[in-house]
């Protein structure tokens, strides 16, 4: 088996700084999309999908989401 760790800190991503200047609402959108992905990967629906279809979808062992919508770069 393989483990995959994903850590997203917008202030460490060069393109996020550009988004902050030109379209800050997109950082909030991006942050919310990560919540949706984590919720789906942790859901019973995802488990059922993998069992019924045989499609391999990564298992989410833990998700710690701490978005700061007032300052999306944090």
Foldseek 3Di string as FASTA:
>chain_A
DDDDDDDDQQLVDPVSVVCVVVPVVVLVVVLVVVVVVLDCLADPVVVVCCVVPVDDDDHDPDDDRDADSVDSND
